[in-house]
Amino acid sequence: MNPKSPLPDYFTFSKKDRIAVFLLVLVVGVLVALPALLPTPSPALAPLPDSVLRRPPDSSRYRQPYDHGRAGYPDRSGYASRREDPGAGRDAWRQAPLFEFDPNQLDAAGWSRLGLPARTIATILKYRERGGRFRRPEDLGKIWSLPEGFVERVLPSVRIAPAPDGAGGGQRYPPFAREPRTPILLSINEADSMAWEGLPGIGAKLAGRILRYRERLGGFVSVDQVGETWGLPDSTFRKIRTRLELKSSGQGIRKLNLNSATRDELKVHPYIRWNLANALVEYRERHGAYRSTDDLRKVLLLPDSTLQKLLPYVDIK
């Protein structure tokens, strides 16, 4: 390295370095020139068939006009006519003769006379088989596959017969004979809380009140007594009254013995209460034991209306 030069002496090569660079350049040059010096082998060609080497036939005969009458040519007059009128049959309904018809009864042949294609006819018949019915001439528009303008053309010719009673199309079944249902009545002296709750408007609270009132009475002797239950709306009672029954009037009723019952026992009954219970006991203490229910009429605090309700619940022994 030259100490006076500001840059390192990177461009100085030794003799060995120069020989190595020369050999590298020589090898690269040989590799580049080698493909151009070597001969390129020609690809093997497959032999051509004889048909290619033969003289081509005279193509002028293919330019001759098509003759349906010449021998060897098939008769394709039908195909030619279809090419000339590609829409033949599609609009046949426009020229089809009109006649009066009922779309609910016309068969496939009749629809074909009106110029409809087979696919549309099948759609109409399937619509009727599934219970469909044309009730008005305009109902023909329900068939989506009808050609545009067909309905307007045939509307004046549509004659729909009135349907018989109960006819709605499709399969007909005999009228169903519903057996009258016998209402299940509730026995007012035997029903439990769950049975009462099954009635409309009766919940758990009202059912409990009805049972407690029945217990205090000693049993119901009339269906109307259910309506006396405290808190039971009159509208609710009228709604359930027809579903109540009294199976045994007077049987199983718990009665009070007027000659032995105490004031506390009597006052519990809904028709007696404390004042009347006290009056009944005082009369017994002053006049002796009751001999019959007629003696009750002598008790001043016992009105006749209350007496009539109380008689099924008292006993004279």
C-alpha atoms as a PDB file:
ATOM      1  CA  MET A   1       0.000   0.000   0.000  1.00  0.00           C
ATOM      2  CA  ASN A   2       1.274   3.453  -0.883  1.00  0.00           C
ATOM      3  CA  PRO A   3       1.306   5.571   2.295  1.00  0.00           C
ATOM      4  CA  LYS A   4       0.915   8.742   0.252  1.00  0.00           C
ATOM      5  CA  SER A   5      -2.319   7.563  -1.495  1.00  0.00           C
ATOM      6  CA  PRO A   6      -5.565   8.478   0.309  1.00  0.00           C
ATOM      7  CA  LEU A   7      -7.292   5.292  -0.945  1.00  0.00           C
ATOM      8  CA  PRO A   8      -6.224   1.713  -0.276  1.00  0.00           C
ATOM      9  CA  ASP A   9      -4.462  -0.006  -3.151  1.00  0.00           C
ATOM     10  CA  TYR A  10      -7.350  -2.302  -4.025  1.00  0.00           C
ATOM     11  CA  PHE A  11      -6.612  -2.451  -7.751  1.00  0.00           C
ATOM     12  CA  THR A  12      -3.171  -4.049  -7.499  1.00  0.00           C
ATOM     13  CA  PHE A  13      -3.123  -7.813  -8.461  1.00  0.00           C
ATOM     14  CA  SER A  14      -0.396 -10.285  -7.890  1.00  0.00           C
ATOM     15  CA  LYS A  15       0.801 -12.612 -10.635  1.00  0.00           C
ATOM     16  CA  LYS A  16      -1.277 -15.519  -9.292  1.00  0.00           C
ATOM     17  CA  ASP A  17      -4.380 -13.354  -9.208  1.00  0.00           C
ATOM     18  CA  ARG A  18      -3.926 -12.314 -12.809  1.00  0.00           C
ATOM     19  CA  ILE A  19      -3.562 -15.945 -13.955  1.00  0.00           C
ATOM     20  CA  ALA A  20      -6.727 -16.990 -12.078  1.00  0.00           C
ATOM     21  CA  VAL A  21      -8.783 -14.174 -13.590  1.00  0.00           C
ATOM     22  CA  PHE A  22      -7.551 -15.041 -17.083  1.00  0.00           C
ATOM     23  CA  LEU A  23      -8.521 -18.706 -16.703  1.00  0.00           C
ATOM     24  CA  LEU A  24     -11.978 -17.777 -15.375  1.00  0.00           C
ATOM     25  CA  VAL A  25     -12.673 -15.514 -18.331  1.00  0.00           C
ATOM     26  CA  LEU A  26     -11.487 -18.214 -20.723  1.00  0.00           C
ATOM     27  CA  VAL A  27     -13.804 -20.855 -19.250  1.00  0.00           C
ATOM     28  CA  VAL A  28     -16.831 -18.533 -19.394  1.00  0.00           C
ATOM     29  CA  GLY A  29     -16.105 -17.691 -23.028  1.00  0.00           C
ATOM     30  CA  VAL A  30     -15.875 -21.364 -23.997  1.00  0.00           C
ATOM     31  CA  LEU A  31     -19.189 -22.143 -22.310  1.00  0.00           C
ATOM     32  CA  VAL A  32     -20.913 -19.303 -24.108  1.00  0.00           C
ATOM     33  CA  ALA A  33     -19.570 -20.219 -27.540  1.00  0.00           C
ATOM     34  CA  LEU A  34     -19.969 -23.976 -27.217  1.00  0.00           C
ATOM     35  CA  PRO A  35     -23.685 -24.248 -28.219  1.00  0.00           C
ATOM     36  CA  ALA A  36     -23.055 -22.272 -31.381  1.00  0.00           C
ATOM     37  CA  LEU A  37     -20.115 -24.476 -32.421  1.00  0.00           C
ATOM     38  CA  LEU A  38     -21.861 -27.841 -31.919  1.00  0.00           C
ATOM     39  CA  PRO A  39     -24.219 -29.114 -34.697  1.00  0.00           C
ATOM     40  CA  THR A  40     -27.981 -29.203 -33.809  1.00  0.00           C
ATOM     41  CA  PRO A  41     -29.577 -32.661 -34.433  1.00  0.00           C
ATOM     42  CA  SER A  42     -32.687 -32.617 -36.683  1.00  0.00           C
ATOM     43  CA  PRO A  43     -35.888 -34.111 -35.129  1.00  0.00           C
ATOM     44  CA  ALA A  44     -37.086 -37.387 -36.580  1.00  0.00           C
ATOM     45  CA  LEU A  45     -40.124 -36.830 -38.796  1.00  0.00           C
ATOM     46  CA  ALA A  46     -42.927 -39.382 -38.981  1.00  0.00           C
ATOM     47  CA  PRO A  47     -43.706 -40.586 -42.517  1.00  0.00           C
ATOM     48  CA  LEU A  48     -46.767 -38.963 -44.104  1.00  0.00           C
ATOM     49  CA  PRO A  49     -49.755 -41.182 -44.916  1.00  0.00           C
ATOM     50  CA  ASP A  50     -50.549 -41.995 -48.518  1.00  0.00           C
ATOM     51  CA  SER A  51     -53.785 -40.077 -48.355  1.00  0.00           C
ATOM     52  CA  VAL A  52     -51.821 -36.859 -47.944  1.00  0.00           C
ATOM     53  CA  LEU A  53     -49.463 -37.624 -50.818  1.00  0.00           C
ATOM     54  CA  ARG A  54     -52.272 -38.476 -53.214  1.00  0.00           C
ATOM     55  CA  ARG A  55     -53.725 -35.913 -55.591  1.00  0.00           C
ATOM     56  CA  PRO A  56     -56.594 -34.068 -53.960  1.00  0.00           C
ATOM     57  CA  PRO A  57     -60.016 -34.784 -55.393  1.00  0.00           C
ATOM     58  CA  ASP A  58     -61.886 -32.257 -57.448  1.00  0.00           C
ATOM     59  CA  SER A  59     -63.604 -29.983 -54.972  1.00  0.00           C
ATOM     60  CA  SER A  60     -65.762 -28.370 -57.574  1.00  0.00           C
ATOM     61  CA  ARG A  61     -68.437 -30.999 -57.070  1.00  0.00           C
ATOM     62  CA  TYR A  62     -68.906 -29.853 -53.484  1.00  0.00           C
ATOM     63  CA  ARG A  63     -69.779 -26.419 -54.753  1.00  0.00           C
ATOM     64  CA  GLN A  64     -72.729 -27.731 -56.735  1.00  0.00           C
ATOM     65  CA  PRO A  65     -76.164 -26.663 -55.492  1.00  0.00           C
ATOM     66  CA  TYR A  66     -78.021 -29.048 -53.141  1.00  0.00           C
ATOM     67  CA  ASP A  67     -80.505 -31.153 -55.094  1.00  0.00           C
ATOM     68  CA  HIS A  68     -83.119 -33.067 -53.100  1.00  0.00           C
ATOM     69  CA  GLY A  69     -83.948 -35.198 -56.129  1.00  0.00           C
ATOM     70  CA  ARG A  70     -80.466 -36.482 -56.852  1.00  0.00           C
ATOM     71  CA  ALA A  71     -79.662 -40.033 -55.958  1.00  0.00           C
ATOM     72  CA  GLY A  72     -77.746 -40.441 -52.731  1.00  0.00           C
ATOM     73  CA  TYR A  73     -79.213 -37.376 -51.042  1.00  0.00           C
ATOM     74  CA  PRO A  74     -81.794 -37.975 -48.312  1.00  0.00           C
ATOM     75  CA  ASP A  75     -85.115 -36.235 -48.457  1.00  0.00           C
ATOM     76  CA  ARG A  76     -84.925 -33.367 -45.945  1.00  0.00           C
ATOM     77  CA  SER A  77     -87.830 -31.323 -47.082  1.00  0.00           C
ATOM     78  CA  GLY A  78     -89.283 -31.496 -43.574  1.00  0.00           C
ATOM     79  CA  TYR A  79     -86.145 -29.981 -42.083  1.00  0.00           C
ATOM     80  CA  ALA A  80     -86.118 -27.236 -44.655  1.00  0.00           C
ATOM     81  CA  SER A  81     -89.687 -26.271 -43.849  1.00  0.00           C
ATOM     82  CA  ARG A  82     -88.856 -26.067 -40.149  1.00  0.00           C
ATOM     83  CA  ARG A  83     -85.913 -23.813 -40.868  1.00  0.00           C
ATOM     84  CA  GLU A  84     -88.071 -21.547 -42.938  1.00  0.00           C
ATOM     85  CA  ASP A  85     -90.656 -21.214 -40.056  1.00  0.00           C
ATOM     86  CA  PRO A  86     -88.845 -21.651 -36.746  1.00  0.00           C
ATOM     87  CA  GLY A  87     -91.902 -20.459 -34.740  1.00  0.00           C
ATOM     88  CA  ALA A  88     -94.385 -22.825 -36.350  1.00  0.00           C
ATOM     89  CA  GLY A  89     -96.816 -24.251 -33.725  1.00  0.00           C
ATOM     90  CA  ARG A  90     -95.807 -21.791 -31.032  1.00  0.00           C
ATOM     91  CA  ASP A  91     -98.551 -19.312 -31.917  1.00  0.00           C
ATOM     92  CA  ALA A  92    -101.057 -21.832 -33.244  1.00  0.00           C
ATOM     93  CA  TRP A  93    -103.608 -20.612 -30.678  1.00  0.00           C
ATOM     94  CA  ARG A  94    -103.897 -17.335 -32.588  1.00  0.00           C
ATOM     95  CA  GLN A  95    -105.427 -19.111 -35.625  1.00  0.00           C
ATOM     96  CA  ALA A  96    -107.263 -21.871 -33.707  1.00  0.00           C
ATOM     97  CA  PRO A  97    -111.066 -21.778 -34.059  1.00  0.00           C
ATOM     98  CA  LEU A  98    -112.931 -20.648 -30.952  1.00  0.00           C
ATOM     99  CA  PHE A  99    -115.816 -22.534 -29.370  1.00  0.00           C
ATOM    100  CA  GLU A 100    -117.674 -22.334 -26.081  1.00  0.00           C
ATOM    101  CA  PHE A 101    -116.061 -24.411 -23.341  1.00  0.00           C
ATOM    102  CA  ASP A 102    -115.972 -24.926 -19.592  1.00  0.00           C
ATOM    103  CA  PRO A 103    -112.334 -24.888 -18.367  1.00  0.00           C
ATOM    104  CA  ASN A 104    -113.345 -27.124 -15.450  1.00  0.00           C
ATOM    105  CA  GLN A 105    -114.535 -29.892 -17.808  1.00  0.00           C
ATOM    106  CA  LEU A 106    -112.580 -29.464 -21.062  1.00  0.00           C
ATOM    107  CA  ASP A 107    -110.363 -32.482 -21.781  1.00  0.00           C
ATOM    108  CA  ALA A 108    -106.875 -32.549 -23.284  1.00  0.00           C
ATOM    109  CA  ALA A 109    -108.207 -32.843 -26.840  1.00  0.00           C
ATOM    110  CA  GLY A 110    -110.325 -29.731 -26.352  1.00  0.00           C
ATOM    111  CA  TRP A 111    -107.382 -27.703 -25.087  1.00  0.00           C
ATOM    112  CA  SER A 112    -105.369 -28.921 -28.052  1.00  0.00           C
ATOM    113  CA  ARG A 113    -108.092 -27.655 -30.425  1.00  0.00           C
ATOM    114  CA  LEU A 114    -107.582 -24.234 -28.862  1.00  0.00           C
ATOM    115  CA  GLY A 115    -103.949 -24.405 -29.989  1.00  0.00           C
ATOM    116  CA  LEU A 116    -102.224 -24.932 -26.629  1.00  0.00           C
ATOM    117  CA  PRO A 117     -98.991 -26.970 -26.474  1.00  0.00           C
ATOM    118  CA  ALA A 118     -98.922 -30.312 -24.692  1.00  0.00           C
ATOM    119  CA  ARG A 119     -96.885 -28.996 -21.760  1.00  0.00           C
ATOM    120  CA  THR A 120     -99.405 -26.254 -20.974  1.00  0.00           C
ATOM    121  CA  ILE A 121    -102.295 -28.723 -21.289  1.00  0.00           C
ATOM    122  CA  ALA A 122    -100.589 -31.018 -18.769  1.00  0.00           C
ATOM    123  CA  THR A 123    -100.247 -28.073 -16.355  1.00  0.00           C
ATOM    124  CA  ILE A 124    -103.984 -27.304 -16.581  1.00  0.00           C
ATOM    125  CA  LEU A 125    -105.020 -30.924 -16.036  1.00  0.00           C
ATOM    126  CA  LYS A 126    -102.669 -31.277 -13.067  1.00  0.00           C
ATOM    127  CA  TYR A 127    -104.095 -28.078 -11.563  1.00  0.00           C
ATOM    128  CA  ARG A 128    -107.612 -29.563 -11.718  1.00  0.00           C
ATOM    129  CA  GLU A 129    -106.500 -32.956 -10.373  1.00  0.00           C
ATOM    130  CA  ARG A 130    -105.066 -31.256  -7.289  1.00  0.00           C
ATOM    131  CA  GLY A 131    -108.402 -29.625  -6.496  1.00  0.00           C
ATOM    132  CA  GLY A 132    -107.993 -26.395  -8.444  1.00  0.00           C
ATOM    133  CA  ARG A 133    -111.134 -24.882  -9.912  1.00  0.00           C
ATOM    134  CA  PHE A 134    -111.866 -22.008 -12.258  1.00  0.00           C
ATOM    135  CA  ARG A 135    -114.706 -20.052 -10.649  1.00  0.00           C
ATOM    136  CA  ARG A 136    -114.585 -17.116 -13.050  1.00  0.00           C
ATOM    137  CA  PRO A 137    -113.350 -16.827 -16.651  1.00  0.00           C
ATOM    138  CA  GLU A 138    -110.554 -14.547 -15.439  1.00  0.00           C
ATOM    139  CA  ASP A 139    -109.230 -17.409 -13.269  1.00  0.00           C
ATOM    140  CA  LEU A 140    -107.593 -18.833 -16.401  1.00  0.00           C
ATOM    141  CA  GLY A 141    -104.825 -16.361 -15.669  1.00  0.00           C
ATOM    142  CA  LYS A 142    -103.776 -18.596 -12.751  1.00  0.00           C
ATOM    143  CA  ILE A 143    -102.067 -20.875 -15.284  1.00  0.00           C
ATOM    144  CA  TRP A 144     -98.717 -19.124 -15.633  1.00  0.00           C
ATOM    145  CA  SER A 145     -97.634 -21.054 -18.735  1.00  0.00           C
ATOM    146  CA  LEU A 146    -100.498 -19.838 -20.944  1.00  0.00           C
ATOM    147  CA  PRO A 147     -99.274 -17.763 -23.918  1.00  0.00           C
ATOM    148  CA  GLU A 148     -99.553 -14.030 -23.526  1.00  0.00           C
ATOM    149  CA  GLY A 149    -102.846 -12.868 -24.995  1.00  0.00           C
ATOM    150  CA  PHE A 150    -104.500 -16.307 -24.900  1.00  0.00           C
ATOM    151  CA  VAL A 151    -106.788 -15.524 -21.956  1.00  0.00           C
ATOM    152  CA  GLU A 152    -108.053 -12.294 -23.525  1.00  0.00           C
ATOM    153  CA  ARG A 153    -108.807 -14.109 -26.778  1.00  0.00           C
ATOM    154  CA  VAL A 154    -110.839 -16.973 -25.284  1.00  0.00           C
ATOM    155  CA  LEU A 155    -112.626 -15.063 -22.469  1.00  0.00           C
ATOM    156  CA  PRO A 156    -115.810 -14.473 -24.513  1.00  0.00           C
ATOM    157  CA  SER A 157    -116.042 -18.231 -25.154  1.00  0.00           C
ATOM    158  CA  VAL A 158    -115.709 -19.371 -21.530  1.00  0.00           C
ATOM    159  CA  ARG A 159    -118.880 -20.801 -19.981  1.00  0.00           C
ATOM    160  CA  ILE A 160    -118.422 -21.976 -16.381  1.00  0.00           C
ATOM    161  CA  ALA A 161    -121.186 -24.167 -14.988  1.00  0.00           C
ATOM    162  CA  PRO A 162    -122.227 -23.445 -11.375  1.00  0.00           C
ATOM    163  CA  ALA A 163    -120.539 -25.764  -8.903  1.00  0.00           C
ATOM    164  CA  PRO A 164    -122.743 -28.149  -6.908  1.00  0.00           C
ATOM    165  CA  ASP A 165    -123.111 -27.531  -3.184  1.00  0.00           C
ATOM    166  CA  GLY A 166    -119.942 -28.407  -1.311  1.00  0.00           C
ATOM    167  CA  ALA A 167    -117.910 -28.821  -4.493  1.00  0.00           C
ATOM    168  CA  GLY A 168    -114.431 -27.478  -4.075  1.00  0.00           C
ATOM    169  CA  GLY A 169    -112.603 -29.680  -6.475  1.00  0.00           C
ATOM    170  CA  GLY A 170    -110.570 -32.723  -5.710  1.00  0.00           C
ATOM    171  CA  GLN A 171    -111.784 -35.784  -3.901  1.00  0.00           C
ATOM    172  CA  ARG A 172    -115.100 -35.471  -2.084  1.00  0.00           C
ATOM    173  CA  TYR A 173    -115.780 -37.026   1.291  1.00  0.00           C
ATOM    174  CA  PRO A 174    -119.076 -37.639   3.084  1.00  0.00           C
ATOM    175  CA  PRO A 175    -119.915 -35.019   5.704  1.00  0.00           C
ATOM    176  CA  PHE A 176    -118.455 -35.773   9.098  1.00  0.00           C
ATOM    177  CA  ALA A 177    -121.143 -36.580  11.644  1.00  0.00           C
ATOM    178  CA  ARG A 178    -119.979 -35.072  14.901  1.00  0.00           C
ATOM    179  CA  GLU A 179    -121.323 -36.866  17.930  1.00  0.00           C
ATOM    180  CA  PRO A 180    -122.841 -34.521  20.492  1.00  0.00           C
ATOM    181  CA  ARG A 181    -120.603 -34.152  23.497  1.00  0.00           C
ATOM    182  CA  THR A 182    -122.151 -34.871  26.850  1.00  0.00           C
ATOM    183  CA  PRO A 183    -120.948 -32.224  29.293  1.00  0.00           C
ATOM    184  CA  ILE A 184    -119.219 -33.554  32.395  1.00  0.00           C
ATOM    185  CA  LEU A 185    -121.000 -32.196  35.457  1.00  0.00           C
ATOM    186  CA  LEU A 186    -119.256 -31.467  38.740  1.00  0.00           C
ATOM    187  CA  SER A 187    -120.771 -32.894  41.908  1.00  0.00           C
ATOM    188  CA  ILE A 188    -120.758 -29.965  44.314  1.00  0.00           C
ATOM    189  CA  ASN A 189    -120.629 -32.117  47.482  1.00  0.00           C
ATOM    190  CA  GLU A 190    -117.868 -34.432  46.261  1.00  0.00           C
ATOM    191  CA  ALA A 191    -115.569 -32.276  44.103  1.00  0.00           C
ATOM    192  CA  ASP A 192    -112.155 -31.443  45.493  1.00  0.00           C
ATOM    193  CA  SER A 193    -110.099 -28.312  44.938  1.00  0.00           C
ATOM    194  CA  MET A 194    -108.561 -29.534  41.672  1.00  0.00           C
ATOM    195  CA  ALA A 195    -112.000 -30.265  40.230  1.00  0.00           C
ATOM    196  CA  TRP A 196    -113.260 -26.791  41.102  1.00  0.00           C
ATOM    197  CA  GLU A 197    -110.188 -25.178  39.548  1.00  0.00           C
ATOM    198  CA  GLY A 198    -111.053 -26.911  36.280  1.00  0.00           C
ATOM    199  CA  LEU A 199    -114.099 -24.665  35.900  1.00  0.00           C
ATOM    200  CA  PRO A 200    -113.775 -21.370  33.999  1.00  0.00           C
ATOM    201  CA  GLY A 201    -113.057 -18.412  36.255  1.00  0.00           C
ATOM    202  CA  ILE A 202    -112.280 -20.547  39.326  1.00  0.00           C
ATOM    203  CA  GLY A 203    -108.749 -20.352  40.651  1.00  0.00           C
ATOM    204  CA  ALA A 204    -107.096 -21.846  43.704  1.00  0.00           C
ATOM    205  CA  LYS A 205    -108.346 -19.062  45.998  1.00  0.00           C
ATOM    206  CA  LEU A 206    -112.008 -19.332  44.965  1.00  0.00           C
ATOM    207  CA  ALA A 207    -111.859 -23.123  45.039  1.00  0.00           C
ATOM    208  CA  GLY A 208    -110.624 -22.966  48.648  1.00  0.00           C
ATOM    209  CA  ARG A 209    -113.418 -20.578  49.640  1.00  0.00           C
ATOM    210  CA  ILE A 210    -116.075 -22.839  48.112  1.00  0.00           C
ATOM    211  CA  LEU A 211    -114.748 -25.852  50.025  1.00  0.00           C
ATOM    212  CA  ARG A 212    -114.613 -23.944  53.332  1.00  0.00           C
ATOM    213  CA  TYR A 213    -118.153 -22.650  52.826  1.00  0.00           C
ATOM    214  CA  ARG A 214    -119.371 -26.182  52.094  1.00  0.00           C
ATOM    215  CA  GLU A 215    -117.705 -27.427  55.268  1.00  0.00           C
ATOM    216  CA  ARG A 216    -119.246 -24.696  57.450  1.00  0.00           C
ATOM    217  CA  LEU A 217    -122.712 -25.370  56.030  1.00  0.00           C
ATOM    218  CA  GLY A 218    -122.430 -29.089  56.535  1.00  0.00           C
ATOM    219  CA  GLY A 219    -122.863 -29.745  52.812  1.00  0.00           C
ATOM    220  CA  PHE A 220    -124.790 -28.188  49.933  1.00  0.00           C
ATOM    221  CA  VAL A 221    -128.496 -28.898  49.577  1.00  0.00           C
ATOM    222  CA  SER A 222    -128.870 -26.738  46.459  1.00  0.00           C
ATOM    223  CA  VAL A 223    -126.673 -25.704  43.534  1.00  0.00           C
ATOM    224  CA  ASP A 224    -127.595 -22.072  44.164  1.00  0.00           C
ATOM    225  CA  GLN A 225    -125.793 -22.217  47.519  1.00  0.00           C
ATOM    226  CA  VAL A 226    -122.473 -22.240  45.644  1.00  0.00           C
ATOM    227  CA  GLY A 227    -123.270 -18.697  44.528  1.00  0.00           C
ATOM    228  CA  GLU A 228    -123.395 -17.626  48.217  1.00  0.00           C
ATOM    229  CA  THR A 229    -119.633 -18.160  48.536  1.00  0.00           C
ATOM    230  CA  TRP A 230    -117.937 -14.956  49.641  1.00  0.00           C
ATOM    231  CA  GLY A 231    -115.876 -13.374  46.843  1.00  0.00           C
ATOM    232  CA  LEU A 232    -117.417 -15.433  44.029  1.00  0.00           C
ATOM    233  CA  PRO A 233    -118.601 -12.996  41.313  1.00  0.00           C
ATOM    234  CA  ASP A 234    -122.170 -13.477  40.204  1.00  0.00           C
ATOM    235  CA  SER A 235    -121.049 -13.463  36.547  1.00  0.00           C
ATOM    236  CA  THR A 236    -118.654 -16.343  37.240  1.00  0.00           C
ATOM    237  CA  PHE A 237    -121.324 -18.324  39.046  1.00  0.00           C
ATOM    238  CA  ARG A 238    -123.764 -17.923  36.148  1.00  0.00           C
ATOM    239  CA  LYS A 239    -121.051 -19.162  33.809  1.00  0.00           C
ATOM    240  CA  ILE A 240    -120.393 -22.360  35.788  1.00  0.00           C
ATOM    241  CA  ARG A 241    -123.895 -23.059  37.101  1.00  0.00           C
ATOM    242  CA  THR A 242    -124.881 -25.296  34.168  1.00  0.00           C
ATOM    243  CA  ARG A 243    -121.854 -27.478  34.895  1.00  0.00           C
ATOM    244  CA  LEU A 244    -122.772 -28.148  38.520  1.00  0.00           C
ATOM    245  CA  GLU A 245    -125.001 -30.883  39.881  1.00  0.00           C
ATOM    246  CA  LEU A 246    -126.364 -32.069  43.223  1.00  0.00           C
ATOM    247  CA  LYS A 247    -126.345 -35.847  43.167  1.00  0.00           C
ATOM    248  CA  SER A 248    -128.104 -36.541  46.483  1.00  0.00           C
ATOM    249  CA  SER A 249    -130.202 -33.875  48.124  1.00  0.00           C
ATOM    250  CA  GLY A 250    -130.252 -34.200  51.923  1.00  0.00           C
ATOM    251  CA  GLN A 251    -127.961 -37.234  52.062  1.00  0.00           C
ATOM    252  CA  GLY A 252    -124.667 -36.777  53.859  1.00  0.00           C
ATOM    253  CA  ILE A 253    -125.668 -33.401  55.289  1.00  0.00           C
ATOM    254  CA  ARG A 254    -124.230 -32.675  58.741  1.00  0.00           C
ATOM    255  CA  LYS A 255    -127.019 -31.467  61.046  1.00  0.00           C
ATOM    256  CA  LEU A 256    -127.065 -29.567  64.337  1.00  0.00           C
ATOM    257  CA  ASN A 257    -129.040 -30.896  67.316  1.00  0.00           C
ATOM    258  CA  LEU A 258    -130.817 -27.803  68.642  1.00  0.00           C
ATOM    259  CA  ASN A 259    -131.378 -29.404  72.043  1.00  0.00           C
ATOM    260  CA  SER A 260    -127.690 -30.100  72.698  1.00  0.00           C
ATOM    261  CA  ALA A 261    -125.629 -27.701  70.556  1.00  0.00           C
ATOM    262  CA  THR A 262    -123.796 -24.923  72.378  1.00  0.00           C
ATOM    263  CA  ARG A 263    -123.676 -21.278  71.396  1.00  0.00           C
ATOM    264  CA  ASP A 264    -120.149 -21.701  69.942  1.00  0.00           C
ATOM    265  CA  GLU A 265    -121.225 -24.679  67.858  1.00  0.00           C
ATOM    266  CA  LEU A 266    -124.274 -22.879  66.507  1.00  0.00           C
ATOM    267  CA  LYS A 267    -122.583 -19.578  65.672  1.00  0.00           C
ATOM    268  CA  VAL A 268    -120.163 -21.276  63.260  1.00  0.00           C
ATOM    269  CA  HIS A 269    -122.981 -22.077  60.849  1.00  0.00           C
ATOM    270  CA  PRO A 270    -123.288 -19.406  58.081  1.00  0.00           C
ATOM    271  CA  TYR A 271    -127.078 -19.136  58.564  1.00  0.00           C
ATOM    272  CA  ILE A 272    -126.990 -18.668  62.356  1.00  0.00           C
ATOM    273  CA  ARG A 273    -124.114 -16.472  63.556  1.00  0.00           C
ATOM    274  CA  TRP A 274    -123.774 -15.232  67.170  1.00  0.00           C
ATOM    275  CA  ASN A 275    -126.976 -13.286  67.778  1.00  0.00           C
ATOM    276  CA  LEU A 276    -129.222 -16.031  66.458  1.00  0.00           C
ATOM    277  CA  ALA A 277    -127.174 -18.729  68.221  1.00  0.00           C
ATOM    278  CA  ASN A 278    -127.642 -16.891  71.537  1.00  0.00           C
ATOM    279  CA  ALA A 279    -131.394 -16.498  70.925  1.00  0.00           C
ATOM    280  CA  LEU A 280    -131.833 -20.198  70.134  1.00  0.00           C
ATOM    281  CA  VAL A 281    -130.040 -21.272  73.315  1.00  0.00           C
ATOM    282  CA  GLU A 282    -131.946 -18.765  75.515  1.00  0.00           C
ATOM    283  CA  TYR A 283    -135.292 -19.981  74.166  1.00  0.00           C
ATOM    284  CA  ARG A 284    -134.296 -23.556  74.978  1.00  0.00           C
ATOM    285  CA  GLU A 285    -133.165 -22.586  78.464  1.00  0.00           C
ATOM    286  CA  ARG A 286    -136.396 -20.680  79.188  1.00  0.00           C
ATOM    287  CA  HIS A 287    -138.977 -22.936  77.520  1.00  0.00           C
ATOM    288  CA  GLY A 288    -137.293 -26.305  77.652  1.00  0.00           C
ATOM    289  CA  ALA A 289    -136.205 -28.553  74.808  1.00  0.00           C
ATOM    290  CA  TYR A 290    -137.496 -28.031  71.334  1.00  0.00           C
ATOM    291  CA  ARG A 291    -140.276 -30.490  70.509  1.00  0.00           C
ATOM    292  CA  SER A 292    -140.434 -29.809  66.749  1.00  0.00           C
ATOM    293  CA  THR A 293    -139.145 -27.411  64.162  1.00  0.00           C
ATOM    294  CA  ASP A 294    -142.367 -25.441  64.580  1.00  0.00           C
ATOM    295  CA  ASP A 295    -140.982 -24.168  67.890  1.00  0.00           C
ATOM    296  CA  LEU A 296    -138.332 -22.296  65.882  1.00  0.00           C
ATOM    297  CA  ARG A 297    -141.009 -19.943  64.585  1.00  0.00           C
ATOM    298  CA  LYS A 298    -141.371 -18.654  68.154  1.00  0.00           C
ATOM    299  CA  VAL A 299    -137.785 -17.360  68.182  1.00  0.00           C
ATOM    300  CA  LEU A 300    -138.109 -13.650  67.494  1.00  0.00           C
ATOM    301  CA  LEU A 301    -134.682 -13.185  65.867  1.00  0.00           C
ATOM    302  CA  LEU A 302    -135.297 -15.978  63.348  1.00  0.00           C
ATOM    303  CA  PRO A 303    -137.043 -14.635  60.196  1.00  0.00           C
ATOM    304  CA  ASP A 304    -138.978 -17.045  58.026  1.00  0.00           C
ATOM    305  CA  SER A 305    -136.529 -16.643  55.082  1.00  0.00           C
ATOM    306  CA  THR A 306    -133.635 -17.759  57.271  1.00  0.00           C
ATOM    307  CA  LEU A 307    -135.719 -20.535  58.817  1.00  0.00           C
ATOM    308  CA  GLN A 308    -136.412 -22.095  55.414  1.00  0.00           C
ATOM    309  CA  LYS A 309    -132.693 -22.193  54.628  1.00  0.00           C
ATOM    310  CA  LEU A 310    -131.804 -23.485  58.094  1.00  0.00           C
ATOM    311  CA  LEU A 311    -134.317 -26.358  58.299  1.00  0.00           C
ATOM    312  CA  PRO A 312    -132.193 -28.882  56.282  1.00  0.00           C
ATOM    313  CA  TYR A 313    -129.331 -28.365  58.774  1.00  0.00           C
ATOM    314  CA  VAL A 314    -131.081 -28.714  62.141  1.00  0.00           C
ATOM    315  CA  ASP A 315    -132.400 -31.704  64.006  1.00  0.00           C
ATOM    316  CA  ILE A 316    -134.684 -32.075  67.014  1.00  0.00           C
ATOM    317  CA  LYS A 317    -133.769 -34.975  69.276  1.00  0.00           C
END
